[in-house]
Amino acid sequence: YGMTIEKAKSMNDQVSAQAKTVGLDYHFDTMIPTNTFDAHRLL
């Protein structure tokens, strides 16, 4: 999105806060991005 890493982290922090309101605990700092096609095949 052509933004600073600080801005991106702030956005992810906001999503984490929203997740907490429904009982979810997100860890964007350690998430492992990947292709999800095989996970969908498994589904």
PDB file of all heavy atoms in Angstrom:
ATOM      1  N   TYR A   1       0.801  -1.226   0.000  1.00  0.00           N
ATOM      2  CA  TYR A   1       0.000   0.000   0.000  1.00  0.00           C
ATOM      3  C   TYR A   1       0.836   1.280   0.000  1.00  0.00           C
ATOM      4  O   TYR A   1       0.291   2.375   0.143  1.00  0.00           O
ATOM      5  CB  TYR A   1      -0.952  -0.011   1.197  1.00  0.00           C
ATOM      6  CG  TYR A   1      -1.994  -1.107   1.096  1.00  0.00           C
ATOM      7  CD1 TYR A   1      -1.902  -2.248   1.886  1.00  0.00           C
ATOM      8  CD2 TYR A   1      -3.049  -1.013   0.190  1.00  0.00           C
ATOM      9  CE1 TYR A   1      -2.844  -3.270   1.791  1.00  0.00           C
ATOM     10  CE2 TYR A   1      -3.992  -2.024   0.081  1.00  0.00           C
ATOM     11  CZ  TYR A   1      -3.881  -3.149   0.887  1.00  0.00           C
ATOM     12  OH  TYR A   1      -4.813  -4.151   0.770  1.00  0.00           O
ATOM     13  N   GLY A   2       2.144   1.141  -0.154  1.00  0.00           N
ATOM     14  CA  GLY A   2       3.003   2.313  -0.240  1.00  0.00           C
ATOM     15  C   GLY A   2       2.993   3.172   1.008  1.00  0.00           C
ATOM     16  O   GLY A   2       2.903   4.398   0.948  1.00  0.00           O
ATOM     17  N   MET A   3       3.087   2.533   2.160  1.00  0.00           N
ATOM     18  CA  MET A   3       3.097   3.260   3.437  1.00  0.00           C
ATOM     19  C   MET A   3       4.345   2.893   4.229  1.00  0.00           C
ATOM     20  O   MET A   3       5.087   1.982   3.852  1.00  0.00           O
ATOM     21  CB  MET A   3       1.838   2.915   4.245  1.00  0.00           C
ATOM     22  CG  MET A   3       1.743   1.448   4.620  1.00  0.00           C
ATOM     23  SD  MET A   3       0.271   1.041   5.628  1.00  0.00           S
ATOM     24  CE  MET A   3      -1.035   1.316   4.440  1.00  0.00           C
ATOM     25  N   THR A   4       4.560   3.578   5.314  1.00  0.00           N
ATOM     26  CA  THR A   4       5.703   3.248   6.163  1.00  0.00           C
ATOM     27  C   THR A   4       5.407   1.975   6.957  1.00  0.00           C
ATOM     28  O   THR A   4       4.239   1.605   7.172  1.00  0.00           O
ATOM     29  CB  THR A   4       6.000   4.376   7.152  1.00  0.00           C
ATOM     30  OG1 THR A   4       4.888   4.517   8.058  1.00  0.00           O
ATOM     31  CG2 THR A   4       6.231   5.699   6.414  1.00  0.00           C
ATOM     32  N   ILE A   5       6.472   1.341   7.400  1.00  0.00           N
ATOM     33  CA  ILE A   5       6.302   0.143   8.219  1.00  0.00           C
ATOM     34  C   ILE A   5       5.614   0.499   9.533  1.00  0.00           C
ATOM     35  O   ILE A   5       4.790  -0.263  10.056  1.00  0.00           O
ATOM     36  CB  ILE A   5       7.667  -0.529   8.479  1.00  0.00           C
ATOM     37  CG1 ILE A   5       8.226  -1.089   7.162  1.00  0.00           C
ATOM     38  CG2 ILE A   5       7.538  -1.641   9.521  1.00  0.00           C
ATOM     39  CD1 ILE A   5       9.600  -1.727   7.290  1.00  0.00           C
ATOM     40  N   GLU A   6       5.901   1.690  10.047  1.00  0.00           N
ATOM     41  CA  GLU A   6       5.272   2.137  11.298  1.00  0.00           C
ATOM     42  C   GLU A   6       3.757   2.251  11.114  1.00  0.00           C
ATOM     43  O   GLU A   6       2.979   1.865  11.996  1.00  0.00           O
ATOM     44  CB  GLU A   6       5.852   3.487  11.739  1.00  0.00           C
ATOM     45  CG  GLU A   6       7.285   3.444  12.245  1.00  0.00           C
ATOM     46  CD  GLU A   6       8.302   3.206  11.132  1.00  0.00           C
ATOM     47  OE1 GLU A   6       7.951   3.469   9.956  1.00  0.00           O
ATOM     48  OE2 GLU A   6       9.419   2.773  11.438  1.00  0.00           O
ATOM     49  N   LYS A   7       3.337   2.791   9.962  1.00  0.00           N
ATOM     50  CA  LYS A   7       1.913   2.919   9.674  1.00  0.00           C
ATOM     51  C   LYS A   7       1.273   1.542   9.530  1.00  0.00           C
ATOM     52  O   LYS A   7       0.164   1.305  10.037  1.00  0.00           O
ATOM     53  CB  LYS A   7       1.717   3.732   8.388  1.00  0.00           C
ATOM     54  CG  LYS A   7       0.271   3.838   7.918  1.00  0.00           C
ATOM     55  CD  LYS A   7      -0.610   4.563   8.917  1.00  0.00           C
ATOM     56  CE  LYS A   7      -2.013   4.755   8.364  1.00  0.00           C
ATOM     57  NZ  LYS A   7      -2.918   5.406   9.336  1.00  0.00           N
ATOM     58  N   ALA A   8       1.967   0.640   8.861  1.00  0.00           N
ATOM     59  CA  ALA A   8       1.442  -0.714   8.688  1.00  0.00           C
ATOM     60  C   ALA A   8       1.289  -1.406  10.039  1.00  0.00           C
ATOM     61  O   ALA A   8       0.281  -2.078  10.298  1.00  0.00           O
ATOM     62  CB  ALA A   8       2.377  -1.517   7.789  1.00  0.00           C
ATOM     63  N   LYS A   9       2.278  -1.238  10.902  1.00  0.00           N
ATOM     64  CA  LYS A   9       2.209  -1.847  12.235  1.00  0.00           C
ATOM     65  C   LYS A   9       1.042  -1.267  13.027  1.00  0.00           C
ATOM     66  O   LYS A   9       0.326  -1.997  13.725  1.00  0.00           O
ATOM     67  CB  LYS A   9       3.520  -1.625  12.989  1.00  0.00           C
ATOM     68  CG  LYS A   9       3.566  -2.332  14.339  1.00  0.00           C
ATOM     69  CD  LYS A   9       4.890  -2.096  15.048  1.00  0.00           C
ATOM     70  CE  LYS A   9       4.978  -2.924  16.321  1.00  0.00           C
ATOM     71  NZ  LYS A   9       3.814  -2.711  17.227  1.00  0.00           N
ATOM     72  N   SER A  10       0.830   0.046  12.888  1.00  0.00           N
ATOM     73  CA  SER A  10      -0.284   0.693  13.582  1.00  0.00           C
ATOM     74  C   SER A  10      -1.620   0.128  13.121  1.00  0.00           C
ATOM     75  O   SER A  10      -2.522  -0.121  13.940  1.00  0.00           O
ATOM     76  CB  SER A  10      -0.231   2.206  13.350  1.00  0.00           C
ATOM     77  OG  SER A  10      -1.356   2.848  13.925  1.00  0.00           O
ATOM     78  N   MET A  11      -1.736  -0.095  11.811  1.00  0.00           N
ATOM     79  CA  MET A  11      -2.973  -0.664  11.274  1.00  0.00           C
ATOM     80  C   MET A  11      -3.199  -2.075  11.810  1.00  0.00           C
ATOM     81  O   MET A  11      -4.317  -2.431  12.190  1.00  0.00           O
ATOM     82  CB  MET A  11      -2.922  -0.670   9.739  1.00  0.00           C
ATOM     83  CG  MET A  11      -2.994   0.713   9.115  1.00  0.00           C
ATOM     84  SD  MET A  11      -2.821   0.667   7.313  1.00  0.00           S
ATOM     85  CE  MET A  11      -4.250  -0.318   6.855  1.00  0.00           C
ATOM     86  N   ASN A  12      -2.145  -2.868  11.848  1.00  0.00           N
ATOM     87  CA  ASN A  12      -2.274  -4.232  12.358  1.00  0.00           C
ATOM     88  C   ASN A  12      -2.587  -4.244  13.849  1.00  0.00           C
ATOM     89  O   ASN A  12      -3.320  -5.114  14.334  1.00  0.00           O
ATOM     90  CB  ASN A  12      -0.997  -5.024  12.069  1.00  0.00           C
ATOM     91  CG  ASN A  12      -0.894  -5.442  10.618  1.00  0.00           C
ATOM     92  OD1 ASN A  12      -1.909  -5.626   9.947  1.00  0.00           O
ATOM     93  ND2 ASN A  12       0.326  -5.602  10.122  1.00  0.00           N
ATOM     94  N   ASP A  13      -2.045  -3.276  14.566  1.00  0.00           N
ATOM     95  CA  ASP A  13      -2.361  -3.163  15.995  1.00  0.00           C
ATOM     96  C   ASP A  13      -3.846  -2.865  16.194  1.00  0.00           C
ATOM     97  O   ASP A  13      -4.480  -3.380  17.135  1.00  0.00           O
ATOM     98  CB  ASP A  13      -1.524  -2.055  16.639  1.00  0.00           C
ATOM     99  CG  ASP A  13      -0.067  -2.449  16.818  1.00  0.00           C
ATOM    100  OD1 ASP A  13       0.238  -3.647  16.735  1.00  0.00           O
ATOM    101  OD2 ASP A  13       0.773  -1.539  17.044  1.00  0.00           O
ATOM    102  N   GLN A  14      -4.409  -2.050  15.318  1.00  0.00           N
ATOM    103  CA  GLN A  14      -5.836  -1.733  15.400  1.00  0.00           C
ATOM    104  C   GLN A  14      -6.684  -2.975  15.140  1.00  0.00           C
ATOM    105  O   GLN A  14      -7.706  -3.207  15.792  1.00  0.00           O
ATOM    106  CB  GLN A  14      -6.183  -0.631  14.400  1.00  0.00           C
ATOM    107  CG  GLN A  14      -5.601   0.732  14.739  1.00  0.00           C
ATOM    108  CD  GLN A  14      -5.884   1.757  13.659  1.00  0.00           C
ATOM    109  OE1 GLN A  14      -6.851   1.657  12.921  1.00  0.00           O
ATOM    110  NE2 GLN A  14      -5.013   2.762  13.550  1.00  0.00           N
ATOM    111  N   VAL A  15      -6.251  -3.799  14.167  1.00  0.00           N
ATOM    112  CA  VAL A  15      -6.977  -5.039  13.875  1.00  0.00           C
ATOM    113  C   VAL A  15      -6.876  -5.990  15.064  1.00  0.00           C
ATOM    114  O   VAL A  15      -7.863  -6.646  15.438  1.00  0.00           O
ATOM    115  CB  VAL A  15      -6.427  -5.707  12.602  1.00  0.00           C
ATOM    116  CG1 VAL A  15      -7.114  -7.053  12.369  1.00  0.00           C
ATOM    117  CG2 VAL A  15      -6.630  -4.804  11.391  1.00  0.00           C
ATOM    118  N   SER A  16      -5.699  -6.062  15.675  1.00  0.00           N
ATOM    119  CA  SER A  16      -5.518  -6.915  16.858  1.00  0.00           C
ATOM    120  C   SER A  16      -6.450  -6.496  17.983  1.00  0.00           C
ATOM    121  O   SER A  16      -7.030  -7.340  18.683  1.00  0.00           O
ATOM    122  CB  SER A  16      -4.064  -6.851  17.344  1.00  0.00           C
ATOM    123  OG  SER A  16      -3.193  -7.461  16.425  1.00  0.00           O
ATOM    124  N   ALA A  17      -6.600  -5.182  18.155  1.00  0.00           N
ATOM    125  CA  ALA A  17      -7.489  -4.667  19.195  1.00  0.00           C
ATOM    126  C   ALA A  17      -8.934  -5.049  18.898  1.00  0.00           C
ATOM    127  O   ALA A  17      -9.703  -5.406  19.815  1.00  0.00           O
ATOM    128  CB  ALA A  17      -7.349  -3.147  19.296  1.00  0.00           C
ATOM    129  N   GLN A  18      -9.307  -4.973  17.623  1.00  0.00           N
ATOM    130  CA  GLN A  18     -10.667  -5.370  17.244  1.00  0.00           C
ATOM    131  C   GLN A  18     -10.881  -6.865  17.479  1.00  0.00           C
ATOM    132  O   GLN A  18     -11.945  -7.291  17.939  1.00  0.00           O
ATOM    133  CB  GLN A  18     -10.922  -5.035  15.774  1.00  0.00           C
ATOM    134  CG  GLN A  18     -12.360  -5.303  15.335  1.00  0.00           C
ATOM    135  CD  GLN A  18     -12.629  -4.832  13.911  1.00  0.00           C
ATOM    136  OE1 GLN A  18     -11.878  -4.030  13.345  1.00  0.00           O
ATOM    137  NE2 GLN A  18     -13.700  -5.326  13.324  1.00  0.00           N
ATOM    138  N   ALA A  19      -9.854  -7.663  17.187  1.00  0.00           N
ATOM    139  CA  ALA A  19      -9.953  -9.108  17.396  1.00  0.00           C
ATOM    140  C   ALA A  19     -10.160  -9.431  18.877  1.00  0.00           C
ATOM    141  O   ALA A  19     -10.915 -10.354  19.231  1.00  0.00           O
ATOM    142  CB  ALA A  19      -8.698  -9.797  16.872  1.00  0.00           C
ATOM    143  N   LYS A  20      -9.501  -8.681  19.751  1.00  0.00           N
ATOM    144  CA  LYS A  20      -9.629  -8.930  21.187  1.00  0.00           C
ATOM    145  C   LYS A  20     -11.060  -8.734  21.671  1.00  0.00           C
ATOM    146  O   LYS A  20     -11.491  -9.376  22.631  1.00  0.00           O
ATOM    147  CB  LYS A  20      -8.685  -8.008  21.968  1.00  0.00           C
ATOM    148  CG  LYS A  20      -7.229  -8.430  21.921  1.00  0.00           C
ATOM    149  CD  LYS A  20      -6.373  -7.573  22.837  1.00  0.00           C
ATOM    150  CE  LYS A  20      -4.903  -7.990  22.766  1.00  0.00           C
ATOM    151  NZ  LYS A  20      -4.705  -9.392  23.200  1.00  0.00           N
ATOM    152  N   THR A  21     -11.821  -7.859  21.001  1.00  0.00           N
ATOM    153  CA  THR A  21     -13.201  -7.615  21.434  1.00  0.00           C
ATOM    154  C   THR A  21     -14.086  -8.839  21.240  1.00  0.00           C
ATOM    155  O   THR A  21     -15.164  -8.920  21.839  1.00  0.00           O
ATOM    156  CB  THR A  21     -13.814  -6.420  20.684  1.00  0.00           C
ATOM    157  OG1 THR A  21     -13.949  -6.745  19.286  1.00  0.00           O
ATOM    158  CG2 THR A  21     -12.969  -5.165  20.850  1.00  0.00           C
ATOM    159  N   VAL A  22     -13.648  -9.777  20.403  1.00  0.00           N
ATOM    160  CA  VAL A  22     -14.433 -11.009  20.204  1.00  0.00           C
ATOM    161  C   VAL A  22     -13.662 -12.228  20.718  1.00  0.00           C
ATOM    162  O   VAL A  22     -13.937 -13.364  20.340  1.00  0.00           O
ATOM    163  CB  VAL A  22     -14.823 -11.200  18.723  1.00  0.00           C
ATOM    164  CG1 VAL A  22     -15.801 -10.132  18.284  1.00  0.00           C
ATOM    165  CG2 VAL A  22     -13.599 -11.215  17.808  1.00  0.00           C
ATOM    166  N   GLY A  23     -12.663 -11.967  21.575  1.00  0.00           N
ATOM    167  CA  GLY A  23     -11.958 -13.055  22.240  1.00  0.00           C
ATOM    168  C   GLY A  23     -10.829 -13.689  21.462  1.00  0.00           C
ATOM    169  O   GLY A  23     -10.387 -14.799  21.804  1.00  0.00           O
ATOM    170  N   LEU A  24     -10.332 -13.004  20.436  1.00  0.00           N
ATOM    171  CA  LEU A  24      -9.249 -13.557  19.630  1.00  0.00           C
ATOM    172  C   LEU A  24      -7.926 -12.855  19.948  1.00  0.00           C
ATOM    173  O   LEU A  24      -7.911 -11.664  20.222  1.00  0.00           O
ATOM    174  CB  LEU A  24      -9.562 -13.409  18.138  1.00  0.00           C
ATOM    175  CG  LEU A  24     -10.836 -14.104  17.651  1.00  0.00           C
ATOM    176  CD1 LEU A  24     -11.082 -13.808  16.178  1.00  0.00           C
ATOM    177  CD2 LEU A  24     -10.752 -15.614  17.884  1.00  0.00           C
ATOM    178  N   ASP A  25      -6.851 -13.607  19.884  1.00  0.00           N
ATOM    179  CA  ASP A  25      -5.525 -13.079  20.228  1.00  0.00           C
ATOM    180  C   ASP A  25      -4.621 -13.169  19.005  1.00  0.00           C
ATOM    181  O   ASP A  25      -4.114 -14.242  18.670  1.00  0.00           O
ATOM    182  CB  ASP A  25      -4.943 -13.899  21.384  1.00  0.00           C
ATOM    183  CG  ASP A  25      -3.649 -13.305  21.930  1.00  0.00           C
ATOM    184  OD1 ASP A  25      -3.378 -12.119  21.646  1.00  0.00           O
ATOM    185  OD2 ASP A  25      -2.912 -14.030  22.620  1.00  0.00           O
ATOM    186  N   TYR A  26      -4.425 -12.046  18.328  1.00  0.00           N
ATOM    187  CA  TYR A  26      -3.604 -11.999  17.114  1.00  0.00           C
ATOM    188  C   TYR A  26      -2.165 -11.636  17.457  1.00  0.00           C
ATOM    189  O   TYR A  26      -1.917 -10.809  18.336  1.00  0.00           O
ATOM    190  CB  TYR A  26      -4.143 -10.960  16.131  1.00  0.00           C
ATOM    191  CG  TYR A  26      -5.393 -11.366  15.385  1.00  0.00           C
ATOM    192  CD1 TYR A  26      -6.079 -12.550  15.647  1.00  0.00           C
ATOM    193  CD2 TYR A  26      -5.908 -10.533  14.390  1.00  0.00           C
ATOM    194  CE1 TYR A  26      -7.220 -12.892  14.951  1.00  0.00           C
ATOM    195  CE2 TYR A  26      -7.054 -10.874  13.676  1.00  0.00           C
ATOM    196  CZ  TYR A  26      -7.711 -12.049  13.960  1.00  0.00           C
ATOM    197  OH  TYR A  26      -8.845 -12.390  13.266  1.00  0.00           O
ATOM    198  N   HIS A  27      -1.225 -12.224  16.699  1.00  0.00           N
ATOM    199  CA  HIS A  27       0.203 -11.910  16.875  1.00  0.00           C
ATOM    200  C   HIS A  27       0.810 -11.602  15.508  1.00  0.00           C
ATOM    201  O   HIS A  27       1.489 -12.433  14.909  1.00  0.00           O
ATOM    202  CB  HIS A  27       0.933 -13.079  17.531  1.00  0.00           C
ATOM    203  CG  HIS A  27       0.465 -13.384  18.918  1.00  0.00           C
ATOM    204  ND1 HIS A  27       0.843 -12.637  20.013  1.00  0.00           N
ATOM    205  CD2 HIS A  27      -0.382 -14.329  19.384  1.00  0.00           C
ATOM    206  CE1 HIS A  27       0.268 -13.118  21.101  1.00  0.00           C
ATOM    207  NE2 HIS A  27      -0.493 -14.135  20.748  1.00  0.00           N
ATOM    208  N   PHE A  28       0.578 -10.392  15.029  1.00  0.00           N
ATOM    209  CA  PHE A  28       1.085 -10.004  13.720  1.00  0.00           C
ATOM    210  C   PHE A  28       2.615  -9.997  13.677  1.00  0.00           C
ATOM    211  O   PHE A  28       3.209 -10.191  12.612  1.00  0.00           O
ATOM    212  CB  PHE A  28       0.560  -8.615  13.339  1.00  0.00           C
ATOM    213  CG  PHE A  28      -0.849  -8.622  12.821  1.00  0.00           C
ATOM    214  CD1 PHE A  28      -1.896  -8.234  13.637  1.00  0.00           C
ATOM    215  CD2 PHE A  28      -1.141  -9.017  11.523  1.00  0.00           C
ATOM    216  CE1 PHE A  28      -3.207  -8.231  13.168  1.00  0.00           C
ATOM    217  CE2 PHE A  28      -2.427  -9.019  11.045  1.00  0.00           C
ATOM    218  CZ  PHE A  28      -3.477  -8.626  11.870  1.00  0.00           C
ATOM    219  N   ASP A  29       3.232  -9.764  14.823  1.00  0.00           N
ATOM    220  CA  ASP A  29       4.698  -9.669  14.839  1.00  0.00           C
ATOM    221  C   ASP A  29       5.385 -10.995  14.538  1.00  0.00           C
ATOM    222  O   ASP A  29       6.537 -11.019  14.082  1.00  0.00           O
ATOM    223  CB  ASP A  29       5.183  -9.122  16.191  1.00  0.00           C
ATOM    224  CG  ASP A  29       4.694  -9.945  17.362  1.00  0.00           C
ATOM    225  OD1 ASP A  29       3.609 -10.560  17.264  1.00  0.00           O
ATOM    226  OD2 ASP A  29       5.386  -9.962  18.400  1.00  0.00           O
ATOM    227  N   THR A  30       4.691 -12.112  14.776  1.00  0.00           N
ATOM    228  CA  THR A  30       5.303 -13.424  14.533  1.00  0.00           C
ATOM    229  C   THR A  30       4.556 -14.256  13.486  1.00  0.00           C
ATOM    230  O   THR A  30       4.927 -15.406  13.238  1.00  0.00           O
ATOM    231  CB  THR A  30       5.391 -14.238  15.839  1.00  0.00           C
ATOM    232  OG1 THR A  30       4.084 -14.342  16.426  1.00  0.00           O
ATOM    233  CG2 THR A  30       6.342 -13.569  16.825  1.00  0.00           C
ATOM    234  N   MET A  31       3.512 -13.707  12.883  1.00  0.00           N
ATOM    235  CA  MET A  31       2.768 -14.435  11.850  1.00  0.00           C
ATOM    236  C   MET A  31       3.668 -14.783  10.681  1.00  0.00           C
ATOM    237  O   MET A  31       4.584 -14.031  10.344  1.00  0.00           O
ATOM    238  CB  MET A  31       1.590 -13.593  11.341  1.00  0.00           C
ATOM    239  CG  MET A  31       0.363 -13.654  12.207  1.00  0.00           C
ATOM    240  SD  MET A  31      -0.965 -12.650  11.499  1.00  0.00           S
ATOM    241  CE  MET A  31      -1.906 -12.301  12.981  1.00  0.00           C
ATOM    242  N   ILE A  32       3.390 -15.929  10.067  1.00  0.00           N
ATOM    243  CA  ILE A  32       4.191 -16.388   8.932  1.00  0.00           C
ATOM    244  C   ILE A  32       3.350 -16.294   7.660  1.00  0.00           C
ATOM    245  O   ILE A  32       2.509 -17.155   7.383  1.00  0.00           O
ATOM    246  CB  ILE A  32       4.671 -17.832   9.143  1.00  0.00           C
ATOM    247  CG1 ILE A  32       5.467 -17.939  10.443  1.00  0.00           C
ATOM    248  CG2 ILE A  32       5.506 -18.296   7.954  1.00  0.00           C
ATOM    249  CD1 ILE A  32       5.868 -19.355  10.807  1.00  0.00           C
ATOM    250  N   PRO A  33       3.540 -15.239   6.871  1.00  0.00           N
ATOM    251  CA  PRO A  33       2.766 -15.097   5.636  1.00  0.00           C
ATOM    252  C   PRO A  33       3.113 -16.211   4.655  1.00  0.00           C
ATOM    253  O   PRO A  33       4.262 -16.664   4.583  1.00  0.00           O
ATOM    254  CB  PRO A  33       3.202 -13.726   5.110  1.00  0.00           C
ATOM    255  CG  PRO A  33       4.558 -13.498   5.693  1.00  0.00           C
ATOM    256  CD  PRO A  33       4.527 -14.149   7.043  1.00  0.00           C
ATOM    257  N   THR A  34       2.128 -16.661   3.888  1.00  0.00           N
ATOM    258  CA  THR A  34       2.362 -17.765   2.964  1.00  0.00           C
ATOM    259  C   THR A  34       1.228 -17.841   1.946  1.00  0.00           C
ATOM    260  O   THR A  34       0.240 -17.104   2.052  1.00  0.00           O
ATOM    261  CB  THR A  34       2.475 -19.104   3.721  1.00  0.00           C
ATOM    262  OG1 THR A  34       2.864 -20.145   2.807  1.00  0.00           O
ATOM    263  CG2 THR A  34       1.142 -19.486   4.360  1.00  0.00           C
ATOM    264  N   ASN A  35       1.360 -18.719   0.995  1.00  0.00           N
ATOM    265  CA  ASN A  35       0.288 -19.023   0.056  1.00  0.00           C
ATOM    266  C   ASN A  35      -0.685 -19.994   0.738  1.00  0.00           C
ATOM    267  O   ASN A  35      -0.253 -20.972   1.349  1.00  0.00           O
ATOM    268  CB  ASN A  35       0.889 -19.652  -1.204  1.00  0.00           C
ATOM    269  CG  ASN A  35      -0.141 -19.873  -2.290  1.00  0.00           C
ATOM    270  OD1 ASN A  35      -1.046 -20.687  -2.149  1.00  0.00           O
ATOM    271  ND2 ASN A  35      -0.009 -19.150  -3.388  1.00  0.00           N
ATOM    272  N   THR A  36      -1.977 -19.734   0.627  1.00  0.00           N
ATOM    273  CA  THR A  36      -2.963 -20.538   1.369  1.00  0.00           C
ATOM    274  C   THR A  36      -3.662 -21.591   0.514  1.00  0.00           C
ATOM    275  O   THR A  36      -4.607 -22.238   0.969  1.00  0.00           O
ATOM    276  CB  THR A  36      -4.027 -19.624   2.001  1.00  0.00           C
ATOM    277  OG1 THR A  36      -4.699 -18.880   0.970  1.00  0.00           O
ATOM    278  CG2 THR A  36      -3.413 -18.681   3.015  1.00  0.00           C
ATOM    279  N   PHE A  37      -3.209 -21.791  -0.722  1.00  0.00           N
ATOM    280  CA  PHE A  37      -3.903 -22.717  -1.621  1.00  0.00           C
ATOM    281  C   PHE A  37      -3.972 -24.127  -1.047  1.00  0.00           C
ATOM    282  O   PHE A  37      -5.030 -24.771  -1.055  1.00  0.00           O
ATOM    283  CB  PHE A  37      -3.227 -22.742  -2.992  1.00  0.00           C
ATOM    284  CG  PHE A  37      -3.939 -23.605  -3.997  1.00  0.00           C
ATOM    285  CD1 PHE A  37      -5.159 -23.212  -4.535  1.00  0.00           C
ATOM    286  CD2 PHE A  37      -3.405 -24.817  -4.402  1.00  0.00           C
ATOM    287  CE1 PHE A  37      -5.826 -24.011  -5.458  1.00  0.00           C
ATOM    288  CE2 PHE A  37      -4.058 -25.619  -5.319  1.00  0.00           C
ATOM    289  CZ  PHE A  37      -5.277 -25.216  -5.858  1.00  0.00           C
ATOM    290  N   ASP A  38      -2.872 -24.647  -0.526  1.00  0.00           N
ATOM    291  CA  ASP A  38      -2.879 -26.006   0.014  1.00  0.00           C
ATOM    292  C   ASP A  38      -3.730 -26.110   1.276  1.00  0.00           C
ATOM    293  O   ASP A  38      -4.341 -27.156   1.541  1.00  0.00           O
ATOM    294  CB  ASP A  38      -1.447 -26.477   0.300  1.00  0.00           C
ATOM    295  CG  ASP A  38      -0.701 -26.853  -0.974  1.00  0.00           C
ATOM    296  OD1 ASP A  38      -1.366 -27.106  -2.002  1.00  0.00           O
ATOM    297  OD2 ASP A  38       0.546 -26.886  -0.954  1.00  0.00           O
ATOM    298  N   ALA A  39      -3.784 -25.041   2.054  1.00  0.00           N
ATOM    299  CA  ALA A  39      -4.669 -25.031   3.218  1.00  0.00           C
ATOM    300  C   ALA A  39      -6.123 -25.138   2.764  1.00  0.00           C
ATOM    301  O   ALA A  39      -6.947 -25.806   3.408  1.00  0.00           O
ATOM    302  CB  ALA A  39      -4.453 -23.766   4.043  1.00  0.00           C
ATOM    303  N   HIS A  40      -6.439 -24.495   1.648  1.00  0.00           N
ATOM    304  CA  HIS A  40      -7.796 -24.594   1.111  1.00  0.00           C
ATOM    305  C   HIS A  40      -8.068 -25.985   0.558  1.00  0.00           C
ATOM    306  O   HIS A  40      -9.191 -26.498   0.672  1.00  0.00           O
ATOM    307  CB  HIS A  40      -8.015 -23.539   0.027  1.00  0.00           C
ATOM    308  CG  HIS A  40      -8.270 -22.171   0.572  1.00  0.00           C
ATOM    309  ND1 HIS A  40      -9.426 -21.854   1.256  1.00  0.00           N
ATOM    310  CD2 HIS A  40      -7.512 -21.043   0.556  1.00  0.00           C
ATOM    311  CE1 HIS A  40      -9.378 -20.578   1.625  1.00  0.00           C
ATOM    312  NE2 HIS A  40      -8.232 -20.068   1.223  1.00  0.00           N
ATOM    313  N   ARG A  41      -7.066 -26.611  -0.040  1.00  0.00           N
ATOM    314  CA  ARG A  41      -7.246 -27.993  -0.491  1.00  0.00           C
ATOM    315  C   ARG A  41      -7.526 -28.905   0.700  1.00  0.00           C
ATOM    316  O   ARG A  41      -8.367 -29.809   0.628  1.00  0.00           O
ATOM    317  CB  ARG A  41      -6.005 -28.483  -1.242  1.00  0.00           C
ATOM    318  CG  ARG A  41      -5.833 -27.882  -2.619  1.00  0.00           C
ATOM    319  CD  ARG A  41      -4.958 -28.762  -3.500  1.00  0.00           C
ATOM    320  NE  ARG A  41      -3.606 -28.891  -3.002  1.00  0.00           N
ATOM    321  CZ  ARG A  41      -3.002 -30.060  -2.784  1.00  0.00           C
ATOM    322  NH1 ARG A  41      -3.641 -31.203  -3.018  1.00  0.00           N
ATOM    323  NH2 ARG A  41      -1.761 -30.093  -2.328  1.00  0.00           N
ATOM    324  N   LEU A  42      -6.830 -28.640   1.794  1.00  0.00           N
ATOM    325  CA  LEU A  42      -7.055 -29.426   3.010  1.00  0.00           C
ATOM    326  C   LEU A  42      -8.465 -29.208   3.538  1.00  0.00           C
ATOM    327  O   LEU A  42      -9.115 -30.154   4.015  1.00  0.00           O
ATOM    328  CB  LEU A  42      -6.019 -29.043   4.072  1.00  0.00           C
ATOM    329  CG  LEU A  42      -6.099 -29.787   5.407  1.00  0.00           C
ATOM    330  CD1 LEU A  42      -6.011 -31.294   5.196  1.00  0.00           C
ATOM    331  CD2 LEU A  42      -4.987 -29.319   6.344  1.00  0.00           C
ATOM    332  N   LEU A  43      -8.967 -27.987   3.444  1.00  0.00           N
ATOM    333  CA  LEU A  43     -10.339 -27.715   3.859  1.00  0.00           C
ATOM    334  C   LEU A  43     -11.324 -28.524   3.013  1.00  0.00           C
ATOM    335  O   LEU A  43     -12.289 -29.103   3.546  1.00  0.00           O
ATOM    336  CB  LEU A  43     -10.643 -26.222   3.728  1.00  0.00           C
ATOM    337  CG  LEU A  43     -12.082 -25.804   4.036  1.00  0.00           C
ATOM    338  CD1 LEU A  43     -12.400 -26.012   5.521  1.00  0.00           C
ATOM    339  CD2 LEU A  43     -12.313 -24.338   3.654  1.00  0.00           C
TER     340      LEU A  43
END
